[in-house]
Amino acid sequence: MPCKKPVADLAASEIICAAHVYDFSAEEQNFIELIRRNLVEQLNLFERKEINENNFYDVFKLWQRMFGAAVENGRKASEYFITEIEQGKSTLLERLR
């Protein structure tokens, strides 16, 4: 029999409550499309794009959605974003290849 305290804590967890369990017999295509959309979005992020005044905010919001949660040391996500887009200041893309 499982310990009641951890089970209750997990049942109350926002992450667990928000998790979606896919029924592959009924939702396989929805799951595949979700993965495909997210993969395309991630791949598009690593393509070199010209960032200008018309798309700066949209590009930042996409970057923040994908990487903002990793910024935990008290610095602003915007500082990391600016460093990332300044040519020659970051080696992230080179490390990913």
PDB file of N, CA and C in Angstrom:
ATOM      1  N   MET A   1       0.848  -1.170   0.000  1.00  0.00           N
ATOM      2  CA  MET A   1       0.000   0.000   0.000  1.00  0.00           C
ATOM      3  C   MET A   1       0.899   1.240   0.000  1.00  0.00           C
ATOM      4  N   PRO A   2       0.633   2.207  -0.891  1.00  0.00           N
ATOM      5  CA  PRO A   2       1.466   3.406  -0.956  1.00  0.00           C
ATOM      6  C   PRO A   2       1.244   4.307   0.252  1.00  0.00           C
ATOM      7  N   CYS A   3       2.285   5.074   0.567  1.00  0.00           N
ATOM      8  CA  CYS A   3       2.217   6.034   1.676  1.00  0.00           C
ATOM      9  C   CYS A   3       1.231   7.144   1.305  1.00  0.00           C
ATOM     10  N   LYS A   4       0.303   7.447   2.189  1.00  0.00           N
ATOM     11  CA  LYS A   4      -0.774   8.396   1.891  1.00  0.00           C
ATOM     12  C   LYS A   4      -0.284   9.836   1.720  1.00  0.00           C
ATOM     13  N   LYS A   5       0.746  10.257   2.437  1.00  0.00           N
ATOM     14  CA  LYS A   5       1.223  11.647   2.367  1.00  0.00           C
ATOM     15  C   LYS A   5       1.758  11.981   0.968  1.00  0.00           C
ATOM     16  N   PRO A   6       2.718  11.214   0.410  1.00  0.00           N
ATOM     17  CA  PRO A   6       3.199  11.552  -0.937  1.00  0.00           C
ATOM     18  C   PRO A   6       2.087  11.470  -1.992  1.00  0.00           C
ATOM     19  N   VAL A   7       1.197  10.514  -1.856  1.00  0.00           N
ATOM     20  CA  VAL A   7       0.101  10.383  -2.806  1.00  0.00           C
ATOM     21  C   VAL A   7      -0.801  11.622  -2.740  1.00  0.00           C
ATOM     22  N   ALA A   8      -1.102  12.088  -1.552  1.00  0.00           N
ATOM     23  CA  ALA A   8      -1.941  13.281  -1.387  1.00  0.00           C
ATOM     24  C   ALA A   8      -1.223  14.518  -1.930  1.00  0.00           C
ATOM     25  N   ASP A   9       0.089  14.619  -1.664  1.00  0.00           N
ATOM     26  CA  ASP A   9       0.863  15.757  -2.183  1.00  0.00           C
ATOM     27  C   ASP A   9       0.885  15.758  -3.702  1.00  0.00           C
ATOM     28  N   LEU A  10       1.073  14.605  -4.308  1.00  0.00           N
ATOM     29  CA  LEU A  10       1.059  14.511  -5.773  1.00  0.00           C
ATOM     30  C   LEU A  10      -0.317  14.852  -6.336  1.00  0.00           C
ATOM     31  N   ALA A  11      -1.352  14.371  -5.685  1.00  0.00           N
ATOM     32  CA  ALA A  11      -2.709  14.641  -6.155  1.00  0.00           C
ATOM     33  C   ALA A  11      -3.036  16.131  -6.080  1.00  0.00           C
ATOM     34  N   ALA A  12      -2.411  16.851  -5.156  1.00  0.00           N
ATOM     35  CA  ALA A  12      -2.669  18.282  -4.998  1.00  0.00           C
ATOM     36  C   ALA A  12      -1.726  19.137  -5.856  1.00  0.00           C
ATOM     37  N   SER A  13      -0.742  18.535  -6.474  1.00  0.00           N
ATOM     38  CA  SER A  13       0.256  19.271  -7.258  1.00  0.00           C
ATOM     39  C   SER A  13      -0.365  19.885  -8.512  1.00  0.00           C
ATOM     40  N   GLU A  14      -0.079  21.173  -8.733  1.00  0.00           N
ATOM     41  CA  GLU A  14      -0.602  21.853  -9.922  1.00  0.00           C
ATOM     42  C   GLU A  14      -0.088  21.190 -11.196  1.00  0.00           C
ATOM     43  N   ILE A  15       1.160  20.769 -11.193  1.00  0.00           N
ATOM     44  CA  ILE A  15       1.754  20.144 -12.378  1.00  0.00           C
ATOM     45  C   ILE A  15       1.030  18.837 -12.707  1.00  0.00           C
ATOM     46  N   ILE A  16       0.780  18.044 -11.688  1.00  0.00           N
ATOM     47  CA  ILE A  16       0.084  16.775 -11.907  1.00  0.00           C
ATOM     48  C   ILE A  16      -1.340  17.028 -12.380  1.00  0.00           C
ATOM     49  N   CYS A  17      -2.023  17.996 -11.759  1.00  0.00           N
ATOM     50  CA  CYS A  17      -3.401  18.301 -12.150  1.00  0.00           C
ATOM     51  C   CYS A  17      -3.484  18.845 -13.573  1.00  0.00           C
ATOM     52  N   ALA A  18      -2.462  19.561 -14.006  1.00  0.00           N
ATOM     53  CA  ALA A  18      -2.463  20.152 -15.349  1.00  0.00           C
ATOM     54  C   ALA A  18      -1.985  19.170 -16.418  1.00  0.00           C
ATOM     55  N   ALA A  19      -1.422  18.054 -16.005  1.00  0.00           N
ATOM     56  CA  ALA A  19      -0.894  17.091 -16.972  1.00  0.00           C
ATOM     57  C   ALA A  19      -2.030  16.490 -17.796  1.00  0.00           C
ATOM     58  N   HIS A  20      -1.752  16.309 -19.055  1.00  0.00           N
ATOM     59  CA  HIS A  20      -2.742  15.674 -19.931  1.00  0.00           C
ATOM     60  C   HIS A  20      -2.235  14.289 -20.294  1.00  0.00           C
ATOM     61  N   VAL A  21      -3.040  13.300 -20.022  1.00  0.00           N
ATOM     62  CA  VAL A  21      -2.695  11.922 -20.365  1.00  0.00           C
ATOM     63  C   VAL A  21      -3.400  11.603 -21.675  1.00  0.00           C
ATOM     64  N   TYR A  22      -2.611  11.229 -22.668  1.00  0.00           N
ATOM     65  CA  TYR A  22      -3.170  10.934 -23.987  1.00  0.00           C
ATOM     66  C   TYR A  22      -3.605   9.481 -24.073  1.00  0.00           C
ATOM     67  N   ASP A  23      -4.787   9.283 -24.575  1.00  0.00           N
ATOM     68  CA  ASP A  23      -5.294   7.952 -24.876  1.00  0.00           C
ATOM     69  C   ASP A  23      -4.954   7.693 -26.334  1.00  0.00           C
ATOM     70  N   PHE A  24      -3.896   6.927 -26.571  1.00  0.00           N
ATOM     71  CA  PHE A  24      -3.418   6.736 -27.938  1.00  0.00           C
ATOM     72  C   PHE A  24      -4.414   6.021 -28.834  1.00  0.00           C
ATOM     73  N   SER A  25      -5.340   5.308 -28.243  1.00  0.00           N
ATOM     74  CA  SER A  25      -6.342   4.670 -29.095  1.00  0.00           C
ATOM     75  C   SER A  25      -7.300   5.705 -29.671  1.00  0.00           C
ATOM     76  N   ALA A  26      -7.447   6.859 -28.979  1.00  0.00           N
ATOM     77  CA  ALA A  26      -8.384   7.880 -29.443  1.00  0.00           C
ATOM     78  C   ALA A  26      -7.695   9.187 -29.837  1.00  0.00           C
ATOM     79  N   GLU A  27      -6.542   9.477 -29.235  1.00  0.00           N
ATOM     80  CA  GLU A  27      -5.942  10.794 -29.413  1.00  0.00           C
ATOM     81  C   GLU A  27      -4.561  10.761 -30.067  1.00  0.00           C
ATOM     82  N   GLU A  28      -4.207   9.684 -30.677  1.00  0.00           N
ATOM     83  CA  GLU A  28      -2.867   9.561 -31.253  1.00  0.00           C
ATOM     84  C   GLU A  28      -2.564  10.694 -32.235  1.00  0.00           C
ATOM     85  N   GLN A  29      -3.481  11.005 -33.135  1.00  0.00           N
ATOM     86  CA  GLN A  29      -3.236  12.033 -34.140  1.00  0.00           C
ATOM     87  C   GLN A  29      -3.081  13.415 -33.493  1.00  0.00           C
ATOM     88  N   ASN A  30      -3.885  13.708 -32.460  1.00  0.00           N
ATOM     89  CA  ASN A  30      -3.741  14.981 -31.750  1.00  0.00           C
ATOM     90  C   ASN A  30      -2.367  15.104 -31.103  1.00  0.00           C
ATOM     91  N   PHE A  31      -1.900  14.020 -30.504  1.00  0.00           N
ATOM     92  CA  PHE A  31      -0.586  14.016 -29.871  1.00  0.00           C
ATOM     93  C   PHE A  31       0.516  14.229 -30.908  1.00  0.00           C
ATOM     94  N   ILE A  32       0.427  13.545 -32.025  1.00  0.00           N
ATOM     95  CA  ILE A  32       1.428  13.680 -33.092  1.00  0.00           C
ATOM     96  C   ILE A  32       1.453  15.111 -33.612  1.00  0.00           C
ATOM     97  N   GLU A  33       0.301  15.711 -33.819  1.00  0.00           N
ATOM     98  CA  GLU A  33       0.238  17.088 -34.311  1.00  0.00           C
ATOM     99  C   GLU A  33       0.820  18.071 -33.289  1.00  0.00           C
ATOM    100  N   LEU A  34       0.554  17.848 -32.008  1.00  0.00           N
ATOM    101  CA  LEU A  34       1.105  18.701 -30.961  1.00  0.00           C
ATOM    102  C   LEU A  34       2.635  18.649 -30.982  1.00  0.00           C
ATOM    103  N   ILE A  35       3.187  17.463 -31.061  1.00  0.00           N
ATOM    104  CA  ILE A  35       4.641  17.302 -31.116  1.00  0.00           C
ATOM    105  C   ILE A  35       5.188  17.943 -32.386  1.00  0.00           C
ATOM    106  N   ARG A  36       4.539  17.728 -33.495  1.00  0.00           N
ATOM    107  CA  ARG A  36       4.990  18.294 -34.776  1.00  0.00           C
ATOM    108  C   ARG A  36       5.002  19.827 -34.731  1.00  0.00           C
ATOM    109  N   ARG A  37       3.942  20.435 -34.199  1.00  0.00           N
ATOM    110  CA  ARG A  37       3.875  21.905 -34.098  1.00  0.00           C
ATOM    111  C   ARG A  37       4.982  22.454 -33.215  1.00  0.00           C
ATOM    112  N   ASN A  38       5.190  21.820 -32.059  1.00  0.00           N
ATOM    113  CA  ASN A  38       6.227  22.289 -31.137  1.00  0.00           C
ATOM    114  C   ASN A  38       7.618  22.099 -31.718  1.00  0.00           C
ATOM    115  N   LEU A  39       7.831  21.014 -32.425  1.00  0.00           N
ATOM    116  CA  LEU A  39       9.129  20.777 -33.042  1.00  0.00           C
ATOM    117  C   LEU A  39       9.410  21.828 -34.100  1.00  0.00           C
ATOM    118  N   VAL A  40       8.428  22.120 -34.934  1.00  0.00           N
ATOM    119  CA  VAL A  40       8.609  23.140 -35.968  1.00  0.00           C
ATOM    120  C   VAL A  40       8.894  24.489 -35.320  1.00  0.00           C
ATOM    121  N   GLU A  41       8.178  24.815 -34.264  1.00  0.00           N
ATOM    122  CA  GLU A  41       8.389  26.087 -33.567  1.00  0.00           C
ATOM    123  C   GLU A  41       9.804  26.162 -33.016  1.00  0.00           C
ATOM    124  N   GLN A  42      10.288  25.073 -32.429  1.00  0.00           N
ATOM    125  CA  GLN A  42      11.642  25.060 -31.883  1.00  0.00           C
ATOM    126  C   GLN A  42      12.679  25.155 -32.993  1.00  0.00           C
ATOM    127  N   LEU A  43      12.484  24.433 -34.072  1.00  0.00           N
ATOM    128  CA  LEU A  43      13.435  24.494 -35.173  1.00  0.00           C
ATOM    129  C   LEU A  43      13.465  25.888 -35.778  1.00  0.00           C
ATOM    130  N   ASN A  44      12.311  26.528 -35.892  1.00  0.00           N
ATOM    131  CA  ASN A  44      12.254  27.888 -36.430  1.00  0.00           C
ATOM    132  C   ASN A  44      13.016  28.870 -35.555  1.00  0.00           C
ATOM    133  N   LEU A  45      13.055  28.613 -34.255  1.00  0.00           N
ATOM    134  CA  LEU A  45      13.761  29.517 -33.359  1.00  0.00           C
ATOM    135  C   LEU A  45      15.248  29.543 -33.679  1.00  0.00           C
ATOM    136  N   PHE A  46      15.795  28.414 -34.132  1.00  0.00           N
ATOM    137  CA  PHE A  46      17.228  28.345 -34.366  1.00  0.00           C
ATOM    138  C   PHE A  46      17.630  28.746 -35.774  1.00  0.00           C
ATOM    139  N   GLU A  47      16.669  29.073 -36.603  1.00  0.00           N
ATOM    140  CA  GLU A  47      17.005  29.613 -37.910  1.00  0.00           C
ATOM    141  C   GLU A  47      17.390  31.072 -37.725  1.00  0.00           C
ATOM    142  N   ARG A  48      18.403  31.501 -38.444  1.00  0.00           N
ATOM    143  CA  ARG A  48      18.797  32.910 -38.365  1.00  0.00           C
ATOM    144  C   ARG A  48      17.693  33.765 -38.963  1.00  0.00           C
ATOM    145  N   LYS A  49      17.245  34.742 -38.218  1.00  0.00           N
ATOM    146  CA  LYS A  49      16.202  35.650 -38.662  1.00  0.00           C
ATOM    147  C   LYS A  49      16.665  37.063 -38.405  1.00  0.00           C
ATOM    148  N   GLU A  50      16.212  37.959 -39.235  1.00  0.00           N
ATOM    149  CA  GLU A  50      16.465  39.361 -38.960  1.00  0.00           C
ATOM    150  C   GLU A  50      15.457  39.807 -37.918  1.00  0.00           C
ATOM    151  N   ILE A  51      15.963  40.341 -36.831  1.00  0.00           N
ATOM    152  CA  ILE A  51      15.085  40.858 -35.785  1.00  0.00           C
ATOM    153  C   ILE A  51      15.031  42.363 -35.979  1.00  0.00           C
ATOM    154  N   ASN A  52      13.817  42.875 -36.104  1.00  0.00           N
ATOM    155  CA  ASN A  52      13.650  44.308 -36.317  1.00  0.00           C
ATOM    156  C   ASN A  52      12.552  44.828 -35.396  1.00  0.00           C
ATOM    157  N   GLU A  53      12.225  46.116 -35.538  1.00  0.00           N
ATOM    158  CA  GLU A  53      11.220  46.705 -34.639  1.00  0.00           C
ATOM    159  C   GLU A  53       9.835  46.106 -34.835  1.00  0.00           C
ATOM    160  N   ASN A  54       9.592  45.464 -35.970  1.00  0.00           N
ATOM    161  CA  ASN A  54       8.278  44.871 -36.231  1.00  0.00           C
ATOM    162  C   ASN A  54       8.100  43.491 -35.602  1.00  0.00           C
ATOM    163  N   ASN A  55       9.213  42.772 -35.369  1.00  0.00           N
ATOM    164  CA  ASN A  55       9.068  41.415 -34.840  1.00  0.00           C
ATOM    165  C   ASN A  55       9.820  41.192 -33.524  1.00  0.00           C
ATOM    166  N   PHE A  56      10.473  42.221 -33.003  1.00  0.00           N
ATOM    167  CA  PHE A  56      11.302  42.063 -31.807  1.00  0.00           C
ATOM    168  C   PHE A  56      10.515  41.467 -30.643  1.00  0.00           C
ATOM    169  N   TYR A  57       9.360  42.028 -30.342  1.00  0.00           N
ATOM    170  CA  TYR A  57       8.577  41.568 -29.191  1.00  0.00           C
ATOM    171  C   TYR A  57       8.110  40.125 -29.378  1.00  0.00           C
ATOM    172  N   ASP A  58       7.652  39.785 -30.583  1.00  0.00           N
ATOM    173  CA  ASP A  58       7.197  38.411 -30.850  1.00  0.00           C
ATOM    174  C   ASP A  58       8.336  37.410 -30.695  1.00  0.00           C
ATOM    175  N   VAL A  59       9.517  37.760 -31.205  1.00  0.00           N
ATOM    176  CA  VAL A  59      10.677  36.871 -31.085  1.00  0.00           C
ATOM    177  C   VAL A  59      11.055  36.732 -29.614  1.00  0.00           C
ATOM    178  N   PHE A  60      11.043  37.839 -28.865  1.00  0.00           N
ATOM    179  CA  PHE A  60      11.365  37.776 -27.438  1.00  0.00           C
ATOM    180  C   PHE A  60      10.370  36.900 -26.690  1.00  0.00           C
ATOM    181  N   LYS A  61       9.070  37.063 -26.954  1.00  0.00           N
ATOM    182  CA  LYS A  61       8.059  36.259 -26.253  1.00  0.00           C
ATOM    183  C   LYS A  61       8.234  34.769 -26.543  1.00  0.00           C
ATOM    184  N   LEU A  62       8.562  34.429 -27.792  1.00  0.00           N
ATOM    185  CA  LEU A  62       8.821  33.026 -28.137  1.00  0.00           C
ATOM    186  C   LEU A  62      10.035  32.523 -27.371  1.00  0.00           C
ATOM    187  N   TRP A  63      11.114  33.301 -27.363  1.00  0.00           N
ATOM    188  CA  TRP A  63      12.327  32.923 -26.641  1.00  0.00           C
ATOM    189  C   TRP A  63      12.023  32.756 -25.153  1.00  0.00           C
ATOM    190  N   GLN A  64      11.271  33.710 -24.597  1.00  0.00           N
ATOM    191  CA  GLN A  64      10.953  33.658 -23.172  1.00  0.00           C
ATOM    192  C   GLN A  64      10.111  32.431 -22.831  1.00  0.00           C
ATOM    193  N   ARG A  65       9.161  32.096 -23.704  1.00  0.00           N
ATOM    194  CA  ARG A  65       8.326  30.916 -23.459  1.00  0.00           C
ATOM    195  C   ARG A  65       9.171  29.640 -23.461  1.00  0.00           C
ATOM    196  N   MET A  66      10.168  29.595 -24.336  1.00  0.00           N
ATOM    197  CA  MET A  66      10.978  28.384 -24.458  1.00  0.00           C
ATOM    198  C   MET A  66      12.103  28.315 -23.424  1.00  0.00           C
ATOM    199  N   PHE A  67      12.709  29.448 -23.063  1.00  0.00           N
ATOM    200  CA  PHE A  67      13.886  29.434 -22.207  1.00  0.00           C
ATOM    201  C   PHE A  67      13.732  30.211 -20.912  1.00  0.00           C
ATOM    202  N   GLY A  68      12.693  31.020 -20.793  1.00  0.00           N
ATOM    203  CA  GLY A  68      12.541  31.889 -19.635  1.00  0.00           C
ATOM    204  C   GLY A  68      12.502  31.161 -18.310  1.00  0.00           C
ATOM    205  N   ALA A  69      11.932  29.984 -18.277  1.00  0.00           N
ATOM    206  CA  ALA A  69      11.852  29.232 -17.017  1.00  0.00           C
ATOM    207  C   ALA A  69      13.230  28.824 -16.506  1.00  0.00           C
ATOM    208  N   ALA A  70      14.213  28.772 -17.378  1.00  0.00           N
ATOM    209  CA  ALA A  70      15.564  28.377 -16.974  1.00  0.00           C
ATOM    210  C   ALA A  70      16.316  29.524 -16.305  1.00  0.00           C
ATOM    211  N   VAL A  71      15.775  30.733 -16.369  1.00  0.00           N
ATOM    212  CA  VAL A  71      16.419  31.896 -15.761  1.00  0.00           C
ATOM    213  C   VAL A  71      15.968  31.948 -14.309  1.00  0.00           C
ATOM    214  N   GLU A  72      16.832  31.473 -13.414  1.00  0.00           N
ATOM    215  CA  GLU A  72      16.445  31.370 -12.010  1.00  0.00           C
ATOM    216  C   GLU A  72      17.409  32.077 -11.074  1.00  0.00           C
ATOM    217  N   ASN A  73      18.380  32.808 -11.613  1.00  0.00           N
ATOM    218  CA  ASN A  73      19.401  33.372 -10.738  1.00  0.00           C
ATOM    219  C   ASN A  73      19.167  34.842 -10.434  1.00  0.00           C
ATOM    220  N   GLY A  74      17.946  35.325 -10.590  1.00  0.00           N
ATOM    221  CA  GLY A  74      17.619  36.701 -10.256  1.00  0.00           C
ATOM    222  C   GLY A  74      17.810  37.686 -11.396  1.00  0.00           C
ATOM    223  N   ARG A  75      18.424  37.273 -12.476  1.00  0.00           N
ATOM    224  CA  ARG A  75      18.583  38.160 -13.619  1.00  0.00           C
ATOM    225  C   ARG A  75      17.326  38.086 -14.466  1.00  0.00           C
ATOM    226  N   LYS A  76      17.100  39.123 -15.235  1.00  0.00           N
ATOM    227  CA  LYS A  76      15.919  39.169 -16.083  1.00  0.00           C
ATOM    228  C   LYS A  76      16.131  38.347 -17.352  1.00  0.00           C
ATOM    229  N   ALA A  77      15.065  37.692 -17.805  1.00  0.00           N
ATOM    230  CA  ALA A  77      15.138  36.924 -19.045  1.00  0.00           C
ATOM    231  C   ALA A  77      15.549  37.825 -20.204  1.00  0.00           C
ATOM    232  N   SER A  78      15.141  39.081 -20.166  1.00  0.00           N
ATOM    233  CA  SER A  78      15.476  40.002 -21.251  1.00  0.00           C
ATOM    234  C   SER A  78      16.983  40.196 -21.386  1.00  0.00           C
ATOM    235  N   GLU A  79      17.721  40.162 -20.262  1.00  0.00           N
ATOM    236  CA  GLU A  79      19.185  40.286 -20.325  1.00  0.00           C
ATOM    237  C   GLU A  79      19.787  39.108 -21.091  1.00  0.00           C
ATOM    238  N   TYR A  80      19.299  37.911 -20.818  1.00  0.00           N
ATOM    239  CA  TYR A  80      19.801  36.731 -21.512  1.00  0.00           C
ATOM    240  C   TYR A  80      19.426  36.772 -22.991  1.00  0.00           C
ATOM    241  N   PHE A  81      18.221  37.220 -23.276  1.00  0.00           N
ATOM    242  CA  PHE A  81      17.769  37.307 -24.659  1.00  0.00           C
ATOM    243  C   PHE A  81      18.650  38.262 -25.453  1.00  0.00           C
ATOM    244  N   ILE A  82      18.909  39.436 -24.925  1.00  0.00           N
ATOM    245  CA  ILE A  82      19.747  40.416 -25.621  1.00  0.00           C
ATOM    246  C   ILE A  82      21.141  39.850 -25.853  1.00  0.00           C
ATOM    247  N   THR A  83      21.713  39.198 -24.845  1.00  0.00           N
ATOM    248  CA  THR A  83      23.029  38.584 -25.008  1.00  0.00           C
ATOM    249  C   THR A  83      22.989  37.521 -26.098  1.00  0.00           C
ATOM    250  N   GLU A  84      21.910  36.745 -26.132  1.00  0.00           N
ATOM    251  CA  GLU A  84      21.776  35.671 -27.113  1.00  0.00           C
ATOM    252  C   GLU A  84      21.711  36.198 -28.538  1.00  0.00           C
ATOM    253  N   ILE A  85      21.034  37.324 -28.750  1.00  0.00           N
ATOM    254  CA  ILE A  85      20.867  37.802 -30.118  1.00  0.00           C
ATOM    255  C   ILE A  85      22.009  38.700 -30.588  1.00  0.00           C
ATOM    256  N   GLU A  86      22.830  39.187 -29.656  1.00  0.00           N
ATOM    257  CA  GLU A  86      23.965  40.004 -30.071  1.00  0.00           C
ATOM    258  C   GLU A  86      25.017  39.104 -30.697  1.00  0.00           C
ATOM    259  N   GLN A  87      25.417  39.430 -31.887  1.00  0.00           N
ATOM    260  CA  GLN A  87      26.356  38.608 -32.636  1.00  0.00           C
ATOM    261  C   GLN A  87      27.686  38.494 -31.889  1.00  0.00           C
ATOM    262  N   GLY A  88      28.170  37.253 -31.771  1.00  0.00           N
ATOM    263  CA  GLY A  88      29.461  37.014 -31.173  1.00  0.00           C
ATOM    264  C   GLY A  88      29.486  36.975 -29.656  1.00  0.00           C
ATOM    265  N   LYS A  89      28.368  37.228 -28.999  1.00  0.00           N
ATOM    266  CA  LYS A  89      28.339  37.259 -27.533  1.00  0.00           C
ATOM    267  C   LYS A  89      27.947  35.921 -26.913  1.00  0.00           C
ATOM    268  N   SER A  90      27.293  35.057 -27.682  1.00  0.00           N
ATOM    269  CA  SER A  90      26.815  33.785 -27.141  1.00  0.00           C
ATOM    270  C   SER A  90      27.261  32.653 -28.052  1.00  0.00           C
ATOM    271  N   THR A  91      27.493  31.511 -27.443  1.00  0.00           N
ATOM    272  CA  THR A  91      27.884  30.338 -28.217  1.00  0.00           C
ATOM    273  C   THR A  91      26.825  29.245 -28.145  1.00  0.00           C
ATOM    274  N   LEU A  92      25.598  29.614 -27.762  1.00  0.00           N
ATOM    275  CA  LEU A  92      24.529  28.622 -27.603  1.00  0.00           C
ATOM    276  C   LEU A  92      24.319  27.801 -28.863  1.00  0.00           C
ATOM    277  N   LEU A  93      24.176  28.457 -30.004  1.00  0.00           N
ATOM    278  CA  LEU A  93      23.896  27.727 -31.240  1.00  0.00           C
ATOM    279  C   LEU A  93      25.051  26.827 -31.620  1.00  0.00           C
ATOM    280  N   GLU A  94      26.275  27.266 -31.403  1.00  0.00           N
ATOM    281  CA  GLU A  94      27.430  26.424 -31.725  1.00  0.00           C
ATOM    282  C   GLU A  94      27.476  25.194 -30.830  1.00  0.00           C
ATOM    283  N   ARG A  95      27.093  25.363 -29.571  1.00  0.00           N
ATOM    284  CA  ARG A  95      27.096  24.218 -28.639  1.00  0.00           C
ATOM    285  C   ARG A  95      25.999  23.225 -28.997  1.00  0.00           C
ATOM    286  N   LEU A  96      24.916  23.669 -29.597  1.00  0.00           N
ATOM    287  CA  LEU A  96      23.818  22.772 -29.931  1.00  0.00           C
ATOM    288  C   LEU A  96      24.104  21.954 -31.180  1.00  0.00           C
ATOM    289  N   ARG A  97      25.028  22.387 -31.990  1.00  0.00           N
ATOM    290  CA  ARG A  97      25.309  21.673 -33.259  1.00  0.00           C
ATOM    291  C   ARG A  97      26.200  20.495 -33.029  1.00  0.00           C
TER     292      ARG A  97
END
